[in-house]
Amino acid sequence: MSQEPVRWTGGAQPDQRVSHDDREQVAEVLRVSAGDGRLSLEELEERLESCFAARTYGELAPLVADLQGQAKALAEQAPARDVARVHREGGNVRYEGAWVVPRRMEFEVAGGNVLLDFTSAAVREPVTEVEIDMRGGNLRLVVPDGYAVDAEEVEIRGGSVVHRNVKDRDPHAPVVHRVIVTGEMAGGNIVVRPPRAPREPGRLRRMLGGGDR
């Protein structure tokens, strides 16, 4: 049985100093989330280390932003950019965890991959436009049920559009968000897949020493 959700509201100013109680509250959110299977043991250890080293609300907030409805609070509080532009040569670009999705994203990337993981993202618009100019790398989109990806207008040379684990998706889920991809891709693929299944909660509780409830 899952424990009752734990929330942490944080402070109004990111640069405001946190107290010992704030750190303990965040640590409790992390422990409960790990016990419910939302975090792996490795993620729990990493976040706890960052938690007890944090000095400001701005350092604590990202640790719980993607847990137990915190992404919704992030969408209400964090300003959303209208357009995000990324230029990168020889490196990867990753948007994952809790992040506020801009209306439009433009990527000019050579020799690297781009990951857009919408699993815990906060979206404010019904459509996200993604324009790419990529050479020698892949565009990976991780989308939960209710997200539709349209990449029909992308000019692809030496690659393809791959939809993985289509059988695992809910065919009756209503479309709540659309991702429209345009532009050019050379020597790489566009890969669309659902989020990975979480770890089995009971096993993780036993690993944490809590036993079965």
N, C-alpha and C. Protein backbone atom coordinates (compact mmCIF):
# COMPACT_ATOMS: atom_id res chain seq x y z
N MET A 1 0.84 -1.20 0.00
CA MET A 1 0.00 0.00 0.00
C MET A 1 0.88 1.25 0.00
N SER A 2 0.56 2.22 -0.83
CA SER A 2 1.34 3.45 -0.89
C SER A 2 1.08 4.28 0.35
N GLN A 3 2.11 4.99 0.79
CA GLN A 3 1.94 5.91 1.89
C GLN A 3 1.22 7.16 1.39
N GLU A 4 0.70 7.94 2.34
CA GLU A 4 0.00 9.16 1.96
C GLU A 4 0.99 10.10 1.29
N PRO A 5 0.54 10.82 0.24
CA PRO A 5 1.44 11.75 -0.45
C PRO A 5 2.03 12.77 0.51
N VAL A 6 3.28 13.09 0.28
CA VAL A 6 3.98 14.10 1.06
C VAL A 6 4.30 15.25 0.13
N ARG A 7 3.98 16.45 0.54
CA ARG A 7 4.23 17.62 -0.29
C ARG A 7 5.18 18.56 0.43
N TRP A 8 5.92 19.32 -0.33
CA TRP A 8 6.79 20.36 0.22
C TRP A 8 6.55 21.61 -0.59
N THR A 9 6.10 22.68 0.07
CA THR A 9 5.70 23.88 -0.67
C THR A 9 6.86 24.82 -0.93
N GLY A 10 7.93 24.72 -0.14
CA GLY A 10 9.10 25.55 -0.40
C GLY A 10 8.89 27.00 -0.02
N GLY A 11 9.80 27.84 -0.48
CA GLY A 11 9.74 29.26 -0.16
C GLY A 11 9.41 30.09 -1.37
N ALA A 12 9.12 31.35 -1.15
CA ALA A 12 8.71 32.23 -2.23
C ALA A 12 9.90 32.66 -3.09
N GLN A 13 11.10 32.77 -2.50
CA GLN A 13 12.26 33.26 -3.23
C GLN A 13 13.30 32.17 -3.36
N PRO A 14 13.78 31.86 -4.58
CA PRO A 14 14.77 30.79 -4.77
C PRO A 14 16.06 31.01 -3.99
N ASP A 15 16.46 32.29 -3.76
CA ASP A 15 17.71 32.55 -3.06
C ASP A 15 17.55 32.65 -1.55
N GLN A 16 16.34 32.40 -1.05
CA GLN A 16 16.11 32.44 0.40
C GLN A 16 16.74 31.23 1.06
N ARG A 17 17.37 31.42 2.20
CA ARG A 17 18.05 30.34 2.91
C ARG A 17 17.05 29.35 3.49
N VAL A 18 17.42 28.07 3.48
CA VAL A 18 16.55 27.03 4.02
C VAL A 18 16.97 26.68 5.44
N SER A 19 16.05 26.07 6.16
CA SER A 19 16.31 25.67 7.54
C SER A 19 16.54 24.16 7.60
N HIS A 20 16.91 23.67 8.80
CA HIS A 20 17.05 22.22 8.99
C HIS A 20 15.70 21.53 8.76
N ASP A 21 14.61 22.18 9.19
CA ASP A 21 13.28 21.59 9.00
C ASP A 21 12.95 21.45 7.51
N ASP A 22 13.33 22.45 6.71
CA ASP A 22 13.09 22.36 5.26
C ASP A 22 13.81 21.16 4.67
N ARG A 23 15.06 20.98 5.06
CA ARG A 23 15.82 19.85 4.53
C ARG A 23 15.20 18.52 4.95
N GLU A 24 14.74 18.44 6.19
CA GLU A 24 14.14 17.20 6.67
C GLU A 24 12.82 16.91 5.95
N GLN A 25 12.04 17.96 5.65
CA GLN A 25 10.79 17.77 4.92
C GLN A 25 11.05 17.22 3.52
N VAL A 26 12.05 17.79 2.86
CA VAL A 26 12.39 17.32 1.52
C VAL A 26 12.92 15.89 1.59
N ALA A 27 13.74 15.59 2.60
CA ALA A 27 14.26 14.23 2.75
C ALA A 27 13.13 13.24 2.94
N GLU A 28 12.08 13.63 3.67
CA GLU A 28 10.94 12.74 3.88
C GLU A 28 10.18 12.50 2.58
N VAL A 29 10.02 13.54 1.77
CA VAL A 29 9.39 13.37 0.46
C VAL A 29 10.18 12.35 -0.36
N LEU A 30 11.50 12.47 -0.34
CA LEU A 30 12.34 11.57 -1.12
C LEU A 30 12.24 10.13 -0.62
N ARG A 31 12.26 9.96 0.70
CA ARG A 31 12.19 8.59 1.26
C ARG A 31 10.86 7.93 0.93
N VAL A 32 9.76 8.66 1.09
CA VAL A 32 8.44 8.10 0.79
C VAL A 32 8.33 7.77 -0.69
N SER A 33 8.85 8.64 -1.55
CA SER A 33 8.79 8.41 -2.99
C SER A 33 9.61 7.19 -3.38
N ALA A 34 10.75 6.97 -2.72
CA ALA A 34 11.54 5.78 -3.00
C ALA A 34 10.80 4.53 -2.54
N GLY A 35 10.16 4.60 -1.38
CA GLY A 35 9.40 3.47 -0.88
C GLY A 35 8.23 3.11 -1.77
N ASP A 36 7.67 4.09 -2.46
CA ASP A 36 6.55 3.84 -3.37
C ASP A 36 7.01 3.49 -4.78
N GLY A 37 8.31 3.44 -5.01
CA GLY A 37 8.82 3.05 -6.31
C GLY A 37 9.02 4.19 -7.28
N ARG A 38 8.90 5.42 -6.85
CA ARG A 38 9.07 6.55 -7.75
C ARG A 38 10.54 6.91 -7.96
N LEU A 39 11.39 6.49 -7.03
CA LEU A 39 12.83 6.72 -7.14
C LEU A 39 13.57 5.41 -6.95
N SER A 40 14.66 5.24 -7.67
CA SER A 40 15.52 4.08 -7.43
C SER A 40 16.40 4.38 -6.23
N LEU A 41 17.07 3.36 -5.74
CA LEU A 41 17.98 3.55 -4.61
C LEU A 41 19.10 4.52 -4.96
N GLU A 42 19.60 4.42 -6.19
CA GLU A 42 20.67 5.32 -6.62
C GLU A 42 20.19 6.76 -6.65
N GLU A 43 18.97 6.97 -7.18
CA GLU A 43 18.41 8.33 -7.21
C GLU A 43 18.17 8.85 -5.80
N LEU A 44 17.68 7.99 -4.92
CA LEU A 44 17.44 8.41 -3.53
C LEU A 44 18.73 8.87 -2.89
N GLU A 45 19.80 8.10 -3.02
CA GLU A 45 21.08 8.46 -2.41
C GLU A 45 21.60 9.79 -2.96
N GLU A 46 21.51 9.96 -4.28
CA GLU A 46 22.00 11.18 -4.91
C GLU A 46 21.21 12.40 -4.43
N ARG A 47 19.88 12.25 -4.37
CA ARG A 47 19.05 13.40 -3.99
C ARG A 47 19.17 13.72 -2.51
N LEU A 48 19.32 12.71 -1.67
CA LEU A 48 19.51 12.97 -0.25
C LEU A 48 20.82 13.72 -0.01
N GLU A 49 21.85 13.32 -0.73
CA GLU A 49 23.14 14.01 -0.58
C GLU A 49 23.00 15.48 -0.97
N SER A 50 22.31 15.74 -2.08
CA SER A 50 22.11 17.13 -2.51
C SER A 50 21.19 17.87 -1.54
N CYS A 51 20.22 17.15 -0.98
CA CYS A 51 19.26 17.76 -0.05
C CYS A 51 19.97 18.32 1.17
N PHE A 52 20.80 17.53 1.82
CA PHE A 52 21.44 17.96 3.06
C PHE A 52 22.58 18.93 2.82
N ALA A 53 22.99 19.08 1.55
CA ALA A 53 24.02 20.06 1.21
C ALA A 53 23.40 21.38 0.72
N ALA A 54 22.08 21.40 0.50
CA ALA A 54 21.42 22.58 -0.06
C ALA A 54 21.44 23.74 0.93
N ARG A 55 21.58 24.94 0.40
CA ARG A 55 21.57 26.15 1.23
C ARG A 55 20.37 27.05 0.94
N THR A 56 19.78 26.93 -0.27
CA THR A 56 18.67 27.81 -0.64
C THR A 56 17.49 26.99 -1.16
N TYR A 57 16.32 27.65 -1.22
CA TYR A 57 15.13 26.99 -1.77
C TYR A 57 15.35 26.64 -3.24
N GLY A 58 16.12 27.45 -3.95
CA GLY A 58 16.39 27.17 -5.35
C GLY A 58 17.17 25.88 -5.56
N GLU A 59 17.94 25.47 -4.53
CA GLU A 59 18.68 24.22 -4.62
C GLU A 59 17.84 23.03 -4.19
N LEU A 60 16.87 23.26 -3.28
CA LEU A 60 16.02 22.18 -2.80
C LEU A 60 14.89 21.84 -3.78
N ALA A 61 14.29 22.86 -4.36
CA ALA A 61 13.07 22.66 -5.16
C ALA A 61 13.23 21.63 -6.28
N PRO A 62 14.34 21.62 -7.06
CA PRO A 62 14.45 20.64 -8.15
C PRO A 62 14.47 19.19 -7.68
N LEU A 63 14.82 18.97 -6.41
CA LEU A 63 14.93 17.60 -5.91
C LEU A 63 13.58 16.91 -5.77
N VAL A 64 12.50 17.70 -5.63
CA VAL A 64 11.17 17.12 -5.45
C VAL A 64 10.18 17.57 -6.51
N ALA A 65 10.66 18.37 -7.48
CA ALA A 65 9.75 18.98 -8.45
C ALA A 65 9.02 17.95 -9.29
N ASP A 66 9.62 16.77 -9.51
CA ASP A 66 8.98 15.75 -10.35
C ASP A 66 8.30 14.65 -9.53
N LEU A 67 8.03 14.93 -8.25
CA LEU A 67 7.45 13.90 -7.38
C LEU A 67 6.10 14.33 -6.82
N GLN A 68 5.14 13.41 -6.81
CA GLN A 68 3.87 13.55 -6.12
C GLN A 68 3.16 14.87 -6.42
N GLY A 69 3.00 15.16 -7.71
CA GLY A 69 2.24 16.34 -8.10
C GLY A 69 3.03 17.63 -8.06
N GLN A 70 4.34 17.56 -7.77
CA GLN A 70 5.13 18.78 -7.68
C GLN A 70 5.28 19.45 -9.04
N ALA A 71 5.19 18.69 -10.13
CA ALA A 71 5.31 19.31 -11.45
C ALA A 71 4.19 20.29 -11.72
N LYS A 72 2.99 20.00 -11.19
CA LYS A 72 1.87 20.93 -11.35
C LYS A 72 2.15 22.24 -10.64
N ALA A 73 2.72 22.14 -9.44
CA ALA A 73 3.08 23.36 -8.71
C ALA A 73 4.16 24.13 -9.46
N LEU A 74 5.09 23.41 -10.07
CA LEU A 74 6.13 24.05 -10.86
C LEU A 74 5.54 24.82 -12.02
N ALA A 75 4.55 24.24 -12.69
CA ALA A 75 3.92 24.90 -13.83
C ALA A 75 3.22 26.18 -13.41
N GLU A 76 2.68 26.19 -12.18
CA GLU A 76 1.96 27.36 -11.70
C GLU A 76 2.90 28.47 -11.26
N GLN A 77 4.12 28.11 -10.84
CA GLN A 77 5.02 29.10 -10.25
C GLN A 77 6.14 29.54 -11.19
N ALA A 78 6.69 28.61 -11.97
CA ALA A 78 7.87 28.94 -12.78
C ALA A 78 7.46 29.61 -14.09
N PRO A 79 8.19 30.63 -14.51
CA PRO A 79 7.88 31.27 -15.79
C PRO A 79 8.23 30.37 -16.96
N ALA A 80 7.37 30.32 -17.95
CA ALA A 80 7.61 29.49 -19.14
C ALA A 80 8.20 30.36 -20.25
N ARG A 81 9.23 29.85 -20.91
CA ARG A 81 9.82 30.57 -22.03
C ARG A 81 8.96 30.33 -23.26
N ASP A 82 8.82 31.35 -24.08
CA ASP A 82 8.03 31.19 -25.30
C ASP A 82 8.80 30.38 -26.33
N VAL A 83 10.11 30.65 -26.46
CA VAL A 83 10.95 29.94 -27.41
C VAL A 83 12.27 29.60 -26.74
N ALA A 84 12.71 28.35 -26.90
CA ALA A 84 14.02 27.93 -26.42
C ALA A 84 14.87 27.56 -27.63
N ARG A 85 16.06 28.15 -27.74
CA ARG A 85 16.95 27.89 -28.87
C ARG A 85 18.24 27.28 -28.34
N VAL A 86 18.65 26.16 -28.95
CA VAL A 86 19.86 25.46 -28.53
C VAL A 86 20.76 25.22 -29.74
N HIS A 87 22.02 25.64 -29.62
CA HIS A 87 23.03 25.36 -30.65
C HIS A 87 24.14 24.57 -29.98
N ARG A 88 24.45 23.39 -30.51
CA ARG A 88 25.44 22.54 -29.87
C ARG A 88 26.21 21.76 -30.94
N GLU A 89 27.52 21.68 -30.75
CA GLU A 89 28.36 20.86 -31.62
C GLU A 89 29.13 19.87 -30.76
N GLY A 90 28.95 18.58 -31.05
CA GLY A 90 29.70 17.55 -30.34
C GLY A 90 29.26 17.32 -28.91
N GLY A 91 28.01 17.56 -28.59
CA GLY A 91 27.52 17.32 -27.24
C GLY A 91 26.06 16.98 -27.26
N ASN A 92 25.56 16.42 -26.14
CA ASN A 92 24.16 16.02 -26.03
C ASN A 92 23.33 17.08 -25.31
N VAL A 93 22.05 17.08 -25.60
CA VAL A 93 21.10 17.99 -24.97
C VAL A 93 20.02 17.15 -24.30
N ARG A 94 19.74 17.42 -23.02
CA ARG A 94 18.77 16.61 -22.28
C ARG A 94 17.80 17.53 -21.54
N TYR A 95 16.51 17.32 -21.79
CA TYR A 95 15.44 17.93 -21.00
C TYR A 95 14.70 16.78 -20.34
N GLU A 96 14.81 16.65 -19.02
CA GLU A 96 14.17 15.55 -18.32
C GLU A 96 13.87 15.96 -16.89
N GLY A 97 13.19 15.07 -16.15
CA GLY A 97 12.76 15.43 -14.80
C GLY A 97 11.63 16.43 -14.87
N ALA A 98 11.61 17.36 -13.94
CA ALA A 98 10.58 18.40 -13.92
C ALA A 98 11.09 19.63 -14.65
N TRP A 99 10.48 19.98 -15.76
CA TRP A 99 10.87 21.17 -16.50
C TRP A 99 9.63 21.76 -17.14
N VAL A 100 9.64 23.07 -17.31
CA VAL A 100 8.51 23.78 -17.91
C VAL A 100 8.73 23.85 -19.41
N VAL A 101 7.80 23.31 -20.18
CA VAL A 101 7.96 23.17 -21.62
C VAL A 101 7.64 24.48 -22.33
N PRO A 102 8.57 25.03 -23.12
CA PRO A 102 8.27 26.22 -23.91
C PRO A 102 7.26 25.91 -25.01
N ARG A 103 6.69 26.94 -25.57
CA ARG A 103 5.75 26.74 -26.68
C ARG A 103 6.49 26.20 -27.89
N ARG A 104 7.73 26.67 -28.10
CA ARG A 104 8.51 26.28 -29.28
C ARG A 104 9.95 26.01 -28.87
N MET A 105 10.55 24.96 -29.43
CA MET A 105 11.94 24.63 -29.16
C MET A 105 12.67 24.46 -30.49
N GLU A 106 13.86 25.07 -30.60
CA GLU A 106 14.63 25.01 -31.83
C GLU A 106 16.01 24.45 -31.51
N PHE A 107 16.39 23.38 -32.20
CA PHE A 107 17.66 22.71 -31.95
C PHE A 107 18.52 22.68 -33.21
N GLU A 108 19.73 23.21 -33.11
CA GLU A 108 20.74 23.07 -34.15
C GLU A 108 21.90 22.30 -33.51
N VAL A 109 21.95 21.00 -33.79
CA VAL A 109 22.88 20.11 -33.09
C VAL A 109 23.64 19.27 -34.11
N ALA A 110 24.97 19.22 -33.97
CA ALA A 110 25.81 18.41 -34.84
C ALA A 110 26.63 17.44 -33.98
N GLY A 111 26.55 16.15 -34.31
CA GLY A 111 27.35 15.17 -33.59
C GLY A 111 26.89 14.89 -32.18
N GLY A 112 25.63 15.08 -31.89
CA GLY A 112 25.10 14.82 -30.55
C GLY A 112 23.64 14.45 -30.61
N ASN A 113 23.11 13.99 -29.47
CA ASN A 113 21.71 13.58 -29.37
C ASN A 113 20.90 14.60 -28.58
N VAL A 114 19.59 14.58 -28.80
CA VAL A 114 18.67 15.43 -28.05
C VAL A 114 17.62 14.53 -27.41
N LEU A 115 17.44 14.67 -26.09
CA LEU A 115 16.42 13.95 -25.35
C LEU A 115 15.39 14.92 -24.82
N LEU A 116 14.12 14.67 -25.15
CA LEU A 116 13.00 15.44 -24.60
C LEU A 116 12.11 14.45 -23.86
N ASP A 117 12.19 14.45 -22.54
CA ASP A 117 11.42 13.53 -21.71
C ASP A 117 10.27 14.30 -21.08
N PHE A 118 9.05 14.03 -21.56
CA PHE A 118 7.87 14.75 -21.09
C PHE A 118 7.19 14.06 -19.90
N THR A 119 7.81 13.02 -19.35
CA THR A 119 7.16 12.23 -18.30
C THR A 119 6.70 13.09 -17.13
N SER A 120 7.59 13.96 -16.63
CA SER A 120 7.26 14.80 -15.47
C SER A 120 7.27 16.27 -15.82
N ALA A 121 7.20 16.58 -17.12
CA ALA A 121 7.27 17.97 -17.56
C ALA A 121 5.95 18.69 -17.31
N ALA A 122 6.04 19.99 -17.14
CA ALA A 122 4.87 20.83 -16.95
C ALA A 122 4.59 21.57 -18.26
N VAL A 123 3.42 21.32 -18.84
CA VAL A 123 3.06 21.95 -20.11
C VAL A 123 1.91 22.92 -19.88
N ARG A 124 1.98 24.05 -20.56
CA ARG A 124 0.93 25.06 -20.42
C ARG A 124 0.14 25.25 -21.71
N GLU A 125 0.73 24.84 -22.83
CA GLU A 125 0.08 24.99 -24.12
C GLU A 125 -0.35 23.62 -24.63
N PRO A 126 -1.38 23.55 -25.48
CA PRO A 126 -1.82 22.25 -26.00
C PRO A 126 -0.88 21.66 -27.03
N VAL A 127 0.01 22.51 -27.60
CA VAL A 127 0.93 22.05 -28.65
C VAL A 127 2.34 22.56 -28.35
N THR A 128 3.32 21.69 -28.53
CA THR A 128 4.73 22.08 -28.47
C THR A 128 5.34 21.91 -29.85
N GLU A 129 5.94 22.97 -30.38
CA GLU A 129 6.58 22.92 -31.68
C GLU A 129 8.08 22.67 -31.48
N VAL A 130 8.60 21.67 -32.19
CA VAL A 130 10.03 21.34 -32.11
C VAL A 130 10.61 21.39 -33.51
N GLU A 131 11.49 22.35 -33.75
CA GLU A 131 12.15 22.45 -35.05
C GLU A 131 13.60 22.01 -34.89
N ILE A 132 14.04 21.08 -35.75
CA ILE A 132 15.38 20.53 -35.62
C ILE A 132 16.21 20.75 -36.87
N ASP A 133 17.50 20.93 -36.66
CA ASP A 133 18.51 20.89 -37.72
C ASP A 133 19.64 20.06 -37.13
N MET A 134 19.57 18.74 -37.32
CA MET A 134 20.47 17.81 -36.65
C MET A 134 21.30 17.02 -37.65
N ARG A 135 22.59 16.81 -37.29
CA ARG A 135 23.50 16.05 -38.14
C ARG A 135 24.23 15.02 -37.27
N GLY A 136 24.06 13.73 -37.59
CA GLY A 136 24.81 12.70 -36.90
C GLY A 136 24.38 12.42 -35.48
N GLY A 137 23.12 12.61 -35.16
CA GLY A 137 22.61 12.32 -33.81
C GLY A 137 21.14 11.97 -33.86
N ASN A 138 20.61 11.51 -32.74
CA ASN A 138 19.21 11.10 -32.66
C ASN A 138 18.39 12.09 -31.82
N LEU A 139 17.13 12.20 -32.17
CA LEU A 139 16.16 12.92 -31.35
C LEU A 139 15.29 11.88 -30.66
N ARG A 140 15.31 11.86 -29.32
CA ARG A 140 14.51 10.91 -28.55
C ARG A 140 13.42 11.66 -27.80
N LEU A 141 12.19 11.21 -27.95
CA LEU A 141 11.06 11.81 -27.25
C LEU A 141 10.41 10.75 -26.38
N VAL A 142 10.34 11.01 -25.08
CA VAL A 142 9.68 10.12 -24.13
C VAL A 142 8.35 10.78 -23.77
N VAL A 143 7.24 10.13 -24.16
CA VAL A 143 5.93 10.76 -24.00
C VAL A 143 4.97 9.81 -23.28
N PRO A 144 4.27 10.30 -22.27
CA PRO A 144 3.30 9.47 -21.56
C PRO A 144 2.02 9.31 -22.38
N ASP A 145 1.09 8.49 -21.89
CA ASP A 145 -0.20 8.33 -22.55
C ASP A 145 -0.89 9.68 -22.67
N GLY A 146 -1.55 9.89 -23.81
CA GLY A 146 -2.23 11.16 -24.04
C GLY A 146 -1.40 12.15 -24.84
N TYR A 147 -0.14 11.81 -25.12
CA TYR A 147 0.72 12.68 -25.92
C TYR A 147 0.81 12.09 -27.33
N ALA A 148 0.66 12.95 -28.34
CA ALA A 148 0.76 12.54 -29.73
C ALA A 148 1.94 13.27 -30.37
N VAL A 149 2.77 12.53 -31.10
CA VAL A 149 3.94 13.10 -31.76
C VAL A 149 3.74 13.03 -33.28
N ASP A 150 3.86 14.18 -33.93
CA ASP A 150 3.74 14.27 -35.38
C ASP A 150 5.08 14.70 -35.95
N ALA A 151 5.76 13.78 -36.67
CA ALA A 151 7.05 14.09 -37.28
C ALA A 151 7.01 13.90 -38.78
N GLU A 152 5.81 13.99 -39.37
CA GLU A 152 5.64 13.73 -40.79
C GLU A 152 6.35 14.75 -41.68
N GLU A 153 6.55 15.96 -41.19
CA GLU A 153 7.12 17.01 -42.03
C GLU A 153 8.63 17.11 -41.92
N VAL A 154 9.26 16.22 -41.15
CA VAL A 154 10.71 16.26 -41.02
C VAL A 154 11.36 15.64 -42.26
N GLU A 155 12.35 16.32 -42.82
CA GLU A 155 13.12 15.77 -43.94
C GLU A 155 14.27 14.94 -43.37
N ILE A 156 14.20 13.63 -43.54
CA ILE A 156 15.18 12.72 -42.94
C ILE A 156 16.02 12.07 -44.04
N ARG A 157 17.34 12.16 -43.85
CA ARG A 157 18.28 11.53 -44.79
C ARG A 157 19.16 10.56 -44.01
N GLY A 158 19.06 9.28 -44.35
CA GLY A 158 19.87 8.27 -43.69
C GLY A 158 19.36 7.86 -42.32
N GLY A 159 18.07 8.00 -42.08
CA GLY A 159 17.49 7.62 -40.79
C GLY A 159 16.00 7.38 -40.94
N SER A 160 15.30 7.29 -39.82
CA SER A 160 13.86 7.02 -39.87
C SER A 160 13.20 7.48 -38.58
N VAL A 161 11.86 7.43 -38.57
CA VAL A 161 11.06 7.72 -37.38
C VAL A 161 10.63 6.38 -36.78
N VAL A 162 10.97 6.16 -35.52
CA VAL A 162 10.69 4.88 -34.86
C VAL A 162 9.78 5.11 -33.66
N HIS A 163 8.66 4.39 -33.62
CA HIS A 163 7.77 4.43 -32.46
C HIS A 163 7.93 3.11 -31.72
N ARG A 164 8.56 3.15 -30.56
CA ARG A 164 8.85 1.94 -29.80
C ARG A 164 7.75 1.64 -28.77
N ASN A 165 7.56 0.34 -28.51
CA ASN A 165 6.61 -0.13 -27.49
C ASN A 165 5.21 0.43 -27.70
N VAL A 166 4.80 0.49 -28.97
CA VAL A 166 3.47 1.01 -29.27
C VAL A 166 2.39 0.15 -28.62
N LYS A 167 2.66 -1.14 -28.51
CA LYS A 167 1.66 -2.05 -27.92
C LYS A 167 1.40 -1.77 -26.45
N ASP A 168 2.34 -1.08 -25.78
CA ASP A 168 2.18 -0.79 -24.36
C ASP A 168 1.36 0.47 -24.10
N ARG A 169 1.02 1.19 -25.15
CA ARG A 169 0.29 2.44 -24.96
C ARG A 169 -1.20 2.18 -24.90
N ASP A 170 -1.91 3.06 -24.22
CA ASP A 170 -3.36 2.97 -24.11
C ASP A 170 -3.98 3.57 -25.37
N PRO A 171 -4.58 2.76 -26.24
CA PRO A 171 -5.12 3.29 -27.50
C PRO A 171 -6.34 4.19 -27.29
N HIS A 172 -6.95 4.12 -26.10
CA HIS A 172 -8.15 4.90 -25.84
C HIS A 172 -7.86 6.19 -25.06
N ALA A 173 -6.60 6.43 -24.75
CA ALA A 173 -6.27 7.64 -23.99
C ALA A 173 -6.53 8.88 -24.84
N PRO A 174 -7.25 9.87 -24.30
CA PRO A 174 -7.50 11.09 -25.07
C PRO A 174 -6.20 11.88 -25.25
N VAL A 175 -6.09 12.57 -26.37
CA VAL A 175 -4.90 13.37 -26.64
C VAL A 175 -4.97 14.66 -25.85
N VAL A 176 -4.03 14.84 -24.93
CA VAL A 176 -3.99 16.04 -24.09
C VAL A 176 -2.88 16.99 -24.53
N HIS A 177 -1.92 16.49 -25.31
CA HIS A 177 -0.83 17.35 -25.75
C HIS A 177 -0.25 16.81 -27.05
N ARG A 178 0.08 17.72 -27.97
CA ARG A 178 0.68 17.34 -29.24
C ARG A 178 2.08 17.93 -29.35
N VAL A 179 2.99 17.12 -29.86
CA VAL A 179 4.35 17.56 -30.14
C VAL A 179 4.55 17.47 -31.65
N ILE A 180 4.74 18.61 -32.29
CA ILE A 180 4.89 18.68 -33.74
C ILE A 180 6.36 18.94 -34.06
N VAL A 181 6.98 17.99 -34.75
CA VAL A 181 8.40 18.09 -35.08
C VAL A 181 8.56 18.43 -36.56
N THR A 182 9.37 19.43 -36.86
CA THR A 182 9.65 19.83 -38.24
C THR A 182 11.16 20.02 -38.38
N GLY A 183 11.61 20.24 -39.62
CA GLY A 183 13.02 20.54 -39.86
C GLY A 183 13.72 19.43 -40.62
N GLU A 184 15.05 19.27 -40.34
CA GLU A 184 15.88 18.33 -41.08
C GLU A 184 16.69 17.46 -40.13
N MET A 185 16.84 16.19 -40.52
CA MET A 185 17.63 15.23 -39.76
C MET A 185 18.50 14.45 -40.74
N ALA A 186 19.82 14.44 -40.53
CA ALA A 186 20.73 13.73 -41.41
C ALA A 186 21.56 12.75 -40.59
N GLY A 187 21.52 11.47 -40.96
CA GLY A 187 22.33 10.47 -40.29
C GLY A 187 21.88 10.14 -38.90
N GLY A 188 20.60 10.26 -38.61
CA GLY A 188 20.09 9.94 -37.27
C GLY A 188 18.62 9.58 -37.33
N ASN A 189 18.08 9.17 -36.20
CA ASN A 189 16.68 8.74 -36.11
C ASN A 189 15.90 9.62 -35.14
N ILE A 190 14.59 9.61 -35.34
CA ILE A 190 13.66 10.19 -34.37
C ILE A 190 12.99 9.00 -33.68
N VAL A 191 13.20 8.88 -32.38
CA VAL A 191 12.69 7.74 -31.62
C VAL A 191 11.66 8.23 -30.61
N VAL A 192 10.46 7.66 -30.69
CA VAL A 192 9.38 8.02 -29.77
C VAL A 192 9.05 6.79 -28.94
N ARG A 193 9.03 6.94 -27.62
CA ARG A 193 8.71 5.80 -26.76
C ARG A 193 8.00 6.27 -25.50
N PRO A 194 7.28 5.38 -24.83
CA PRO A 194 6.64 5.73 -23.55
C PRO A 194 7.66 5.70 -22.43
N PRO A 195 7.32 6.24 -21.24
CA PRO A 195 8.22 6.16 -20.10
C PRO A 195 8.47 4.72 -19.69
N ARG A 196 9.61 4.48 -19.09
CA ARG A 196 9.92 3.13 -18.61
C ARG A 196 9.06 2.82 -17.39
N ALA A 197 8.71 1.56 -17.24
CA ALA A 197 7.89 1.14 -16.10
C ALA A 197 8.67 1.32 -14.81
N PRO A 198 8.02 1.81 -13.73
CA PRO A 198 8.72 1.98 -12.46
C PRO A 198 9.07 0.64 -11.85
N ARG A 199 10.01 0.66 -10.92
CA ARG A 199 10.38 -0.56 -10.23
C ARG A 199 9.22 -1.06 -9.38
N GLU A 200 9.20 -2.37 -9.17
CA GLU A 200 8.13 -2.97 -8.36
C GLU A 200 8.25 -2.45 -6.93
N PRO A 201 7.20 -1.78 -6.38
CA PRO A 201 7.29 -1.09 -5.10
C PRO A 201 7.68 -2.00 -3.94
N GLY A 202 7.08 -3.19 -3.86
CA GLY A 202 7.34 -4.06 -2.73
C GLY A 202 8.80 -4.45 -2.63
N ARG A 203 9.41 -4.72 -3.78
CA ARG A 203 10.81 -5.10 -3.78
C ARG A 203 11.68 -3.95 -3.30
N LEU A 204 11.36 -2.72 -3.74
CA LEU A 204 12.17 -1.59 -3.34
C LEU A 204 12.02 -1.33 -1.85
N ARG A 205 10.79 -1.53 -1.30
CA ARG A 205 10.60 -1.35 0.14
C ARG A 205 11.47 -2.33 0.92
N ARG A 206 11.53 -3.57 0.45
CA ARG A 206 12.35 -4.55 1.14
C ARG A 206 13.82 -4.17 1.08
N MET A 207 14.24 -3.60 -0.07
CA MET A 207 15.63 -3.17 -0.20
C MET A 207 15.92 -2.02 0.75
N LEU A 208 14.89 -1.19 1.02
CA LEU A 208 15.05 -0.07 1.94
C LEU A 208 14.92 -0.51 3.39
N GLY A 209 14.53 -1.75 3.61
CA GLY A 209 14.43 -2.26 4.96
C GLY A 209 13.10 -2.04 5.62
N GLY A 210 12.08 -1.62 4.81
CA GLY A 210 10.78 -1.32 5.39
C GLY A 210 9.86 -2.51 5.44
N GLY A 211 10.17 -3.59 4.68
CA GLY A 211 9.29 -4.75 4.65
C GLY A 211 8.01 -4.47 3.90
N ASP A 212 7.18 -5.46 3.75
CA ASP A 212 5.89 -5.31 3.07
C ASP A 212 4.84 -4.82 4.03
N ARG A 213 3.93 -4.01 3.49
CA ARG A 213 2.83 -3.51 4.32
C ARG A 213 1.54 -4.04 3.77
